[in-house]
Amino acid sequence: MGAEERLARIRTVVVDDEPLARSNLLVLLRRDPEIEIVGECGSGVGALAEIRRAEPDLVFLDVQMPECDGFDVLEMLGRDQPLAIVFVTAYDQYALRAFEAGALDYLLKPFDNARFDRMLARAKERVALGRVPVRATESLVVKNAGQVLFVKLAEIDWIEAADYYSCLHVGARSHLLRRSMTELEQELDDTVFCRIHRSTIVRLDRVRSLELNEGGEYDVLLDGGARLRLSRRYRRQVQERLRIRDSAHA
């Protein structure tokens, strides 16, 4: 196999706390010459280490695992997520949350080979698209009721998760975009936009202040008057980004 062919193969990590389930996935994946298995593990902590070490294109991720679950893994990875995430689980109640988190697919156990093959074909398409260099964009395309709107990034105040959609807040108006928060976070310039909660991204130059609420946690206040919850998990990175912004404008 030549160097170009090796580079073209899809680097894949499999994460499942059940050895038999993990083995079954590996058997199915190894049938495909385009797939290269670069790691496997059985816990959320192990998944973080494997994904950071191997830098895979594709990850199969169990939901319920020891120490931290699949959603925790994605949240802790932040912008360092692989091109395609497929959740594999025996529980159907997490499907909506999985798509909100940016998953490509939700593989419900038990599944047959045909369902697996359809998923893998989609994963290959996602990886192929993700490998194409993306030009910097100045707007997001919103399709609604027969209209196509171009929402300029410079006009967006904040973004919130809304089921399968993301809601773009532009002044007093809002627009629904059929994209996950995770996809948007990876696409947006992290010197301009910052995630402050699992379901919220803000434009940093719209932030007026951070204020303690009655519960002892911080809220983010925007110039337009919006008050948004700041998750403890994102507090440090928000404060650091705001200090960098203020230093740049001092």
C-alpha atoms as a PDB file:
ATOM      1  CA  MET A   1       0.000   0.000   0.000  1.00  0.00           C
ATOM      2  CA  GLY A   2       1.449   3.393  -1.028  1.00  0.00           C
ATOM      3  CA  ALA A   3       1.729   6.491   1.119  1.00  0.00           C
ATOM      4  CA  GLU A   4      -1.175   8.236  -0.640  1.00  0.00           C
ATOM      5  CA  GLU A   5      -3.476   5.267  -0.059  1.00  0.00           C
ATOM      6  CA  ARG A   6      -2.556   5.122   3.628  1.00  0.00           C
ATOM      7  CA  LEU A   7      -3.327   8.829   3.999  1.00  0.00           C
ATOM      8  CA  ALA A   8      -6.685   8.330   2.288  1.00  0.00           C
ATOM      9  CA  ARG A   9      -7.812   5.640   4.711  1.00  0.00           C
ATOM     10  CA  ILE A  10     -10.275   6.690   7.420  1.00  0.00           C
ATOM     11  CA  ARG A  11      -8.603   6.627  10.825  1.00  0.00           C
ATOM     12  CA  THR A  12     -11.115   5.113  13.239  1.00  0.00           C
ATOM     13  CA  VAL A  13     -11.436   4.683  17.018  1.00  0.00           C
ATOM     14  CA  VAL A  14     -14.024   2.403  18.654  1.00  0.00           C
ATOM     15  CA  VAL A  15     -15.202   3.122  22.215  1.00  0.00           C
ATOM     16  CA  ASP A  16     -17.541   0.744  24.060  1.00  0.00           C
ATOM     17  CA  ASP A  17     -17.393  -0.569  27.615  1.00  0.00           C
ATOM     18  CA  GLU A  18     -18.738  -3.969  26.522  1.00  0.00           C
ATOM     19  CA  PRO A  19     -15.863  -6.051  25.061  1.00  0.00           C
ATOM     20  CA  LEU A  20     -18.203  -8.162  22.906  1.00  0.00           C
ATOM     21  CA  ALA A  21     -19.947  -5.118  21.418  1.00  0.00           C
ATOM     22  CA  ARG A  22     -16.579  -3.502  20.734  1.00  0.00           C
ATOM     23  CA  SER A  23     -15.310  -6.686  19.096  1.00  0.00           C
ATOM     24  CA  ASN A  24     -18.388  -6.924  16.860  1.00  0.00           C
ATOM     25  CA  LEU A  25     -17.876  -3.361  15.641  1.00  0.00           C
ATOM     26  CA  LEU A  26     -14.221  -4.029  14.921  1.00  0.00           C
ATOM     27  CA  VAL A  27     -15.096  -7.134  12.878  1.00  0.00           C
ATOM     28  CA  LEU A  28     -17.565  -5.151  10.752  1.00  0.00           C
ATOM     29  CA  LEU A  29     -15.138  -2.285  10.249  1.00  0.00           C
ATOM     30  CA  ARG A  30     -12.223  -4.498   9.263  1.00  0.00           C
ATOM     31  CA  ARG A  31     -14.220  -5.768   6.281  1.00  0.00           C
ATOM     32  CA  ASP A  32     -13.749  -2.356   4.676  1.00  0.00           C
ATOM     33  CA  PRO A  33     -10.317  -1.590   3.179  1.00  0.00           C
ATOM     34  CA  GLU A  34     -10.954   2.155   3.502  1.00  0.00           C
ATOM     35  CA  ILE A  35     -11.052   1.892   7.298  1.00  0.00           C
ATOM     36  CA  GLU A  36      -7.941   1.913   9.469  1.00  0.00           C
ATOM     37  CA  ILE A  37      -8.476   1.044  13.151  1.00  0.00           C
ATOM     38  CA  VAL A  38      -6.130   3.280  15.143  1.00  0.00           C
ATOM     39  CA  GLY A  39      -7.509   2.743  18.645  1.00  0.00           C
ATOM     40  CA  GLU A  40     -10.090   1.103  20.886  1.00  0.00           C
ATOM     41  CA  CYS A  41     -11.039   1.411  24.545  1.00  0.00           C
ATOM     42  CA  GLY A  42     -13.823   0.801  27.054  1.00  0.00           C
ATOM     43  CA  SER A  43     -14.228   3.998  29.075  1.00  0.00           C
ATOM     44  CA  GLY A  44     -14.822   7.707  28.659  1.00  0.00           C
ATOM     45  CA  VAL A  45     -11.455   8.617  30.172  1.00  0.00           C
ATOM     46  CA  GLY A  46      -9.765   6.140  27.844  1.00  0.00           C
ATOM     47  CA  ALA A  47     -11.687   7.606  24.910  1.00  0.00           C
ATOM     48  CA  LEU A  48     -10.341  11.097  25.610  1.00  0.00           C
ATOM     49  CA  ALA A  49      -6.783   9.796  25.698  1.00  0.00           C
ATOM     50  CA  GLU A  50      -7.184   7.657  22.559  1.00  0.00           C
ATOM     51  CA  ILE A  51      -8.846  10.385  20.513  1.00  0.00           C
ATOM     52  CA  ARG A  52      -6.222  12.962  21.480  1.00  0.00           C
ATOM     53  CA  ARG A  53      -3.422  10.498  20.771  1.00  0.00           C
ATOM     54  CA  ALA A  54      -4.668   9.002  17.497  1.00  0.00           C
ATOM     55  CA  GLU A  55      -6.471  12.067  16.029  1.00  0.00           C
ATOM     56  CA  PRO A  56      -9.030   9.882  14.213  1.00  0.00           C
ATOM     57  CA  ASP A  57     -11.385  10.926  11.427  1.00  0.00           C
ATOM     58  CA  LEU A  58     -14.201   8.716  12.698  1.00  0.00           C
ATOM     59  CA  VAL A  59     -15.190   7.644  16.226  1.00  0.00           C
ATOM     60  CA  PHE A  60     -17.786   5.099  17.330  1.00  0.00           C
ATOM     61  CA  LEU A  61     -18.823   6.171  20.803  1.00  0.00           C
ATOM     62  CA  ASP A  62     -20.884   4.380  23.429  1.00  0.00           C
ATOM     63  CA  VAL A  63     -23.210   6.550  25.527  1.00  0.00           C
ATOM     64  CA  GLN A  64     -23.136   4.977  28.982  1.00  0.00           C
ATOM     65  CA  MET A  65     -19.613   4.257  30.203  1.00  0.00           C
ATOM     66  CA  PRO A  66     -17.669   4.265  33.480  1.00  0.00           C
ATOM     67  CA  GLU A  67     -16.344   7.579  34.864  1.00  0.00           C
ATOM     68  CA  CYS A  68     -17.767   9.797  32.105  1.00  0.00           C
ATOM     69  CA  ASP A  69     -20.281   9.159  29.336  1.00  0.00           C
ATOM     70  CA  GLY A  70     -20.060   9.749  25.610  1.00  0.00           C
ATOM     71  CA  PHE A  71     -21.540  13.244  25.851  1.00  0.00           C
ATOM     72  CA  ASP A  72     -18.965  14.220  28.469  1.00  0.00           C
ATOM     73  CA  VAL A  73     -16.238  13.016  26.107  1.00  0.00           C
ATOM     74  CA  LEU A  74     -17.467  15.281  23.288  1.00  0.00           C
ATOM     75  CA  GLU A  75     -17.842  18.241  25.622  1.00  0.00           C
ATOM     76  CA  MET A  76     -14.309  17.852  26.969  1.00  0.00           C
ATOM     77  CA  LEU A  77     -12.884  17.495  23.461  1.00  0.00           C
ATOM     78  CA  GLY A  78     -14.428  20.846  22.521  1.00  0.00           C
ATOM     79  CA  ARG A  79     -13.203  21.959  19.108  1.00  0.00           C
ATOM     80  CA  ASP A  80     -10.839  18.969  18.838  1.00  0.00           C
ATOM     81  CA  GLN A  81     -13.567  16.568  17.776  1.00  0.00           C
ATOM     82  CA  PRO A  82     -13.096  14.154  14.856  1.00  0.00           C
ATOM     83  CA  LEU A  83     -14.815  14.743  11.528  1.00  0.00           C
ATOM     84  CA  ALA A  84     -17.526  12.145  12.209  1.00  0.00           C
ATOM     85  CA  ILE A  85     -19.042  10.822  15.467  1.00  0.00           C
ATOM     86  CA  VAL A  86     -21.401   7.827  15.535  1.00  0.00           C
ATOM     87  CA  PHE A  87     -23.092   6.987  18.826  1.00  0.00           C
ATOM     88  CA  VAL A  88     -23.649   3.265  19.377  1.00  0.00           C
ATOM     89  CA  THR A  89     -25.990   2.326  22.222  1.00  0.00           C
ATOM     90  CA  ALA A  90     -28.825   0.090  23.334  1.00  0.00           C
ATOM     91  CA  TYR A  91     -30.834   3.081  24.608  1.00  0.00           C
ATOM     92  CA  ASP A  92     -33.021   5.091  22.239  1.00  0.00           C
ATOM     93  CA  GLN A  93     -33.766   7.973  24.650  1.00  0.00           C
ATOM     94  CA  TYR A  94     -30.461   9.724  23.911  1.00  0.00           C
ATOM     95  CA  ALA A  95     -30.987  10.149  20.166  1.00  0.00           C
ATOM     96  CA  LEU A  96     -32.068  13.811  20.220  1.00  0.00           C
ATOM     97  CA  ARG A  97     -29.230  14.795  22.540  1.00  0.00           C
ATOM     98  CA  ALA A  98     -26.774  12.939  20.297  1.00  0.00           C
ATOM     99  CA  PHE A  99     -27.754  14.965  17.238  1.00  0.00           C
ATOM    100  CA  GLU A 100     -27.660  18.179  19.283  1.00  0.00           C
ATOM    101  CA  ALA A 101     -24.082  17.238  20.182  1.00  0.00           C
ATOM    102  CA  GLY A 102     -23.197  16.976  16.486  1.00  0.00           C
ATOM    103  CA  ALA A 103     -23.344  13.213  15.968  1.00  0.00           C
ATOM    104  CA  LEU A 104     -23.514  12.016  12.381  1.00  0.00           C
ATOM    105  CA  ASP A 105     -25.621   8.984  13.273  1.00  0.00           C
ATOM    106  CA  TYR A 106     -27.164   7.081  16.173  1.00  0.00           C
ATOM    107  CA  LEU A 107     -26.717   3.330  15.841  1.00  0.00           C
ATOM    108  CA  LEU A 108     -29.201   1.506  18.054  1.00  0.00           C
ATOM    109  CA  LYS A 109     -28.237  -1.991  19.201  1.00  0.00           C
ATOM    110  CA  PRO A 110     -28.983  -4.540  17.928  1.00  0.00           C
ATOM    111  CA  PHE A 111     -28.475  -3.460  14.309  1.00  0.00           C
ATOM    112  CA  ASP A 112     -28.099  -5.507  11.131  1.00  0.00           C
ATOM    113  CA  ASN A 113     -25.353  -5.304   8.519  1.00  0.00           C
ATOM    114  CA  ALA A 114     -27.499  -3.277   6.119  1.00  0.00           C
ATOM    115  CA  ARG A 115     -28.068  -0.564   8.724  1.00  0.00           C
ATOM    116  CA  PHE A 116     -24.361  -0.549   9.553  1.00  0.00           C
ATOM    117  CA  ASP A 117     -23.384  -0.245   5.891  1.00  0.00           C
ATOM    118  CA  ARG A 118     -25.732   2.718   5.369  1.00  0.00           C
ATOM    119  CA  MET A 119     -24.215   4.463   8.365  1.00  0.00           C
ATOM    120  CA  LEU A 120     -20.661   3.776   7.193  1.00  0.00           C
ATOM    121  CA  ALA A 121     -21.411   5.191   3.747  1.00  0.00           C
ATOM    122  CA  ARG A 122     -22.623   8.412   5.377  1.00  0.00           C
ATOM    123  CA  ALA A 123     -19.549   8.521   7.593  1.00  0.00           C
ATOM    124  CA  LYS A 124     -17.268   8.228   4.565  1.00  0.00           C
ATOM    125  CA  GLU A 125     -19.092  11.120   2.885  1.00  0.00           C
ATOM    126  CA  ARG A 126     -18.738  13.280   6.007  1.00  0.00           C
ATOM    127  CA  VAL A 127     -15.028  12.537   6.307  1.00  0.00           C
ATOM    128  CA  ALA A 128     -14.443  13.238   2.620  1.00  0.00           C
ATOM    129  CA  LEU A 129     -16.202  16.603   2.899  1.00  0.00           C
ATOM    130  CA  GLY A 130     -14.345  17.424   6.095  1.00  0.00           C
ATOM    131  CA  ARG A 131     -10.986  16.873   4.447  1.00  0.00           C
ATOM    132  CA  VAL A 132     -11.677  19.511   1.808  1.00  0.00           C
ATOM    133  CA  PRO A 133     -10.194  22.868   2.891  1.00  0.00           C
ATOM    134  CA  VAL A 134     -12.992  25.246   3.840  1.00  0.00           C
ATOM    135  CA  ARG A 135     -12.746  28.889   2.860  1.00  0.00           C
ATOM    136  CA  ALA A 136     -13.510  31.401   5.593  1.00  0.00           C
ATOM    137  CA  THR A 137     -17.189  32.278   5.476  1.00  0.00           C
ATOM    138  CA  GLU A 138     -18.786  35.596   6.344  1.00  0.00           C
ATOM    139  CA  SER A 139     -22.381  34.369   6.536  1.00  0.00           C
ATOM    140  CA  LEU A 140     -24.592  31.359   7.277  1.00  0.00           C
ATOM    141  CA  VAL A 141     -27.269  30.196   4.851  1.00  0.00           C
ATOM    142  CA  VAL A 142     -30.735  29.816   6.398  1.00  0.00           C
ATOM    143  CA  LYS A 143     -33.541  28.186   4.416  1.00  0.00           C
ATOM    144  CA  ASN A 144     -37.056  28.942   5.634  1.00  0.00           C
ATOM    145  CA  ALA A 145     -40.518  28.845   4.015  1.00  0.00           C
ATOM    146  CA  GLY A 146     -39.204  28.992   0.471  1.00  0.00           C
ATOM    147  CA  GLN A 147     -36.671  31.714   1.273  1.00  0.00           C
ATOM    148  CA  VAL A 148     -32.887  31.550   1.411  1.00  0.00           C
ATOM    149  CA  LEU A 149     -31.400  34.063   3.843  1.00  0.00           C
ATOM    150  CA  PHE A 150     -27.743  34.938   4.250  1.00  0.00           C
ATOM    151  CA  VAL A 151     -27.142  35.820   7.892  1.00  0.00           C
ATOM    152  CA  LYS A 152     -23.862  37.683   8.332  1.00  0.00           C
ATOM    153  CA  LEU A 153     -21.670  36.354  11.139  1.00  0.00           C
ATOM    154  CA  ALA A 154     -20.890  39.936  12.153  1.00  0.00           C
ATOM    155  CA  GLU A 155     -24.592  40.478  12.939  1.00  0.00           C
ATOM    156  CA  ILE A 156     -25.076  37.396  15.159  1.00  0.00           C
ATOM    157  CA  ASP A 157     -25.258  38.150  18.902  1.00  0.00           C
ATOM    158  CA  TRP A 158     -25.596  34.609  20.205  1.00  0.00           C
ATOM    159  CA  ILE A 159     -26.648  31.099  19.199  1.00  0.00           C
ATOM    160  CA  GLU A 160     -28.663  28.547  21.150  1.00  0.00           C
ATOM    161  CA  ALA A 161     -29.513  24.883  20.653  1.00  0.00           C
ATOM    162  CA  ALA A 162     -33.121  24.213  19.594  1.00  0.00           C
ATOM    163  CA  ASP A 163     -33.722  20.462  19.257  1.00  0.00           C
ATOM    164  CA  TYR A 164     -32.292  19.436  15.850  1.00  0.00           C
ATOM    165  CA  TYR A 165     -31.647  23.084  14.983  1.00  0.00           C
ATOM    166  CA  SER A 166     -29.534  26.011  16.136  1.00  0.00           C
ATOM    167  CA  CYS A 167     -31.245  29.351  16.696  1.00  0.00           C
ATOM    168  CA  LEU A 168     -29.295  32.407  15.511  1.00  0.00           C
ATOM    169  CA  HIS A 169     -30.142  35.553  17.491  1.00  0.00           C
ATOM    170  CA  VAL A 170     -29.630  38.702  15.444  1.00  0.00           C
ATOM    171  CA  GLY A 171     -30.847  41.745  17.360  1.00  0.00           C
ATOM    172  CA  ALA A 172     -34.601  41.311  17.904  1.00  0.00           C
ATOM    173  CA  ARG A 173     -34.821  38.633  15.193  1.00  0.00           C
ATOM    174  CA  SER A 174     -34.012  34.941  15.283  1.00  0.00           C
ATOM    175  CA  HIS A 175     -33.412  32.347  12.553  1.00  0.00           C
ATOM    176  CA  LEU A 176     -33.494  28.548  12.761  1.00  0.00           C
ATOM    177  CA  LEU A 177     -30.585  26.772  11.118  1.00  0.00           C
ATOM    178  CA  ARG A 178     -30.537  22.986  10.651  1.00  0.00           C
ATOM    179  CA  ARG A 179     -27.018  22.597  12.019  1.00  0.00           C
ATOM    180  CA  SER A 180     -25.823  21.288  15.371  1.00  0.00           C
ATOM    181  CA  MET A 181     -24.079  23.491  17.915  1.00  0.00           C
ATOM    182  CA  THR A 182     -20.976  21.333  17.687  1.00  0.00           C
ATOM    183  CA  GLU A 183     -20.770  21.729  13.901  1.00  0.00           C
ATOM    184  CA  LEU A 184     -21.131  25.485  14.217  1.00  0.00           C
ATOM    185  CA  GLU A 185     -18.550  25.717  16.991  1.00  0.00           C
ATOM    186  CA  GLN A 186     -16.010  23.934  14.817  1.00  0.00           C
ATOM    187  CA  GLU A 187     -16.723  26.232  11.871  1.00  0.00           C
ATOM    188  CA  LEU A 188     -16.831  29.572  13.705  1.00  0.00           C
ATOM    189  CA  ASP A 189     -13.711  31.603  14.458  1.00  0.00           C
ATOM    190  CA  ASP A 190     -12.865  30.893  18.115  1.00  0.00           C
ATOM    191  CA  THR A 191     -11.341  34.351  18.513  1.00  0.00           C
ATOM    192  CA  VAL A 192     -14.775  35.812  17.748  1.00  0.00           C
ATOM    193  CA  PHE A 193     -17.280  33.260  19.096  1.00  0.00           C
ATOM    194  CA  CYS A 194     -17.101  31.300  22.347  1.00  0.00           C
ATOM    195  CA  ARG A 195     -19.187  28.503  23.828  1.00  0.00           C
ATOM    196  CA  ILE A 196     -20.478  29.382  27.298  1.00  0.00           C
ATOM    197  CA  HIS A 197     -22.819  26.428  27.844  1.00  0.00           C
ATOM    198  CA  ARG A 198     -23.666  23.109  26.216  1.00  0.00           C
ATOM    199  CA  SER A 199     -26.536  24.893  24.452  1.00  0.00           C
ATOM    200  CA  THR A 200     -25.131  28.422  23.982  1.00  0.00           C
ATOM    201  CA  ILE A 201     -22.462  30.183  21.897  1.00  0.00           C
ATOM    202  CA  VAL A 202     -21.915  33.957  22.143  1.00  0.00           C
ATOM    203  CA  ARG A 203     -20.110  36.542  20.061  1.00  0.00           C
ATOM    204  CA  LEU A 204     -17.411  37.842  22.402  1.00  0.00           C
ATOM    205  CA  ASP A 205     -17.619  41.489  21.355  1.00  0.00           C
ATOM    206  CA  ARG A 206     -21.300  41.495  22.405  1.00  0.00           C
ATOM    207  CA  VAL A 207     -20.458  40.539  26.012  1.00  0.00           C
ATOM    208  CA  ARG A 208     -21.023  43.462  28.378  1.00  0.00           C
ATOM    209  CA  SER A 209     -20.205  41.749  31.670  1.00  0.00           C
ATOM    210  CA  LEU A 210     -20.284  38.616  33.811  1.00  0.00           C
ATOM    211  CA  GLU A 211     -22.575  38.825  36.842  1.00  0.00           C
ATOM    212  CA  LEU A 212     -23.147  36.523  39.793  1.00  0.00           C
ATOM    213  CA  ASN A 213     -26.703  35.247  40.000  1.00  0.00           C
ATOM    214  CA  GLU A 214     -28.690  34.242  43.110  1.00  0.00           C
ATOM    215  CA  GLY A 215     -27.433  30.680  42.823  1.00  0.00           C
ATOM    216  CA  GLY A 216     -23.803  31.765  43.102  1.00  0.00           C
ATOM    217  CA  GLU A 217     -23.070  31.045  39.425  1.00  0.00           C
ATOM    218  CA  TYR A 218     -22.234  33.546  36.688  1.00  0.00           C
ATOM    219  CA  ASP A 219     -24.517  34.874  33.966  1.00  0.00           C
ATOM    220  CA  VAL A 220     -23.260  36.437  30.742  1.00  0.00           C
ATOM    221  CA  LEU A 221     -24.884  39.789  29.948  1.00  0.00           C
ATOM    222  CA  LEU A 222     -24.894  40.929  26.322  1.00  0.00           C
ATOM    223  CA  ASP A 223     -25.116  44.456  24.953  1.00  0.00           C
ATOM    224  CA  GLY A 224     -28.621  43.780  23.651  1.00  0.00           C
ATOM    225  CA  GLY A 225     -29.884  42.911  27.138  1.00  0.00           C
ATOM    226  CA  ALA A 226     -29.850  39.106  26.924  1.00  0.00           C
ATOM    227  CA  ARG A 227     -28.844  37.313  30.135  1.00  0.00           C
ATOM    228  CA  LEU A 228     -27.385  33.865  29.463  1.00  0.00           C
ATOM    229  CA  ARG A 229     -26.251  31.120  31.814  1.00  0.00           C
ATOM    230  CA  LEU A 230     -22.499  30.478  32.000  1.00  0.00           C
ATOM    231  CA  SER A 231     -21.738  26.817  32.629  1.00  0.00           C
ATOM    232  CA  ARG A 232     -19.067  26.175  35.255  1.00  0.00           C
ATOM    233  CA  ARG A 233     -17.288  23.922  32.760  1.00  0.00           C
ATOM    234  CA  TYR A 234     -16.802  26.815  30.306  1.00  0.00           C
ATOM    235  CA  ARG A 235     -16.155  29.587  32.853  1.00  0.00           C
ATOM    236  CA  ARG A 236     -12.364  29.546  32.665  1.00  0.00           C
ATOM    237  CA  GLN A 237     -12.159  29.617  28.871  1.00  0.00           C
ATOM    238  CA  VAL A 238     -14.737  32.431  28.702  1.00  0.00           C
ATOM    239  CA  GLN A 239     -12.804  34.523  31.214  1.00  0.00           C
ATOM    240  CA  GLU A 240      -9.554  33.889  29.343  1.00  0.00           C
ATOM    241  CA  ARG A 241     -11.096  34.829  25.991  1.00  0.00           C
ATOM    242  CA  LEU A 242     -12.544  38.019  27.454  1.00  0.00           C
ATOM    243  CA  ARG A 243      -9.167  38.998  28.940  1.00  0.00           C
ATOM    244  CA  ILE A 244      -7.513  38.459  25.539  1.00  0.00           C
ATOM    245  CA  ARG A 245     -10.209  40.559  23.876  1.00  0.00           C
ATOM    246  CA  ASP A 246      -9.883  43.385  26.391  1.00  0.00           C
ATOM    247  CA  SER A 247      -6.072  43.324  26.143  1.00  0.00           C
ATOM    248  CA  ALA A 248      -6.275  43.607  22.350  1.00  0.00           C
ATOM    249  CA  HIS A 249      -8.487  46.684  22.641  1.00  0.00           C
ATOM    250  CA  ALA A 250      -6.626  48.342  25.543  1.00  0.00           C
END
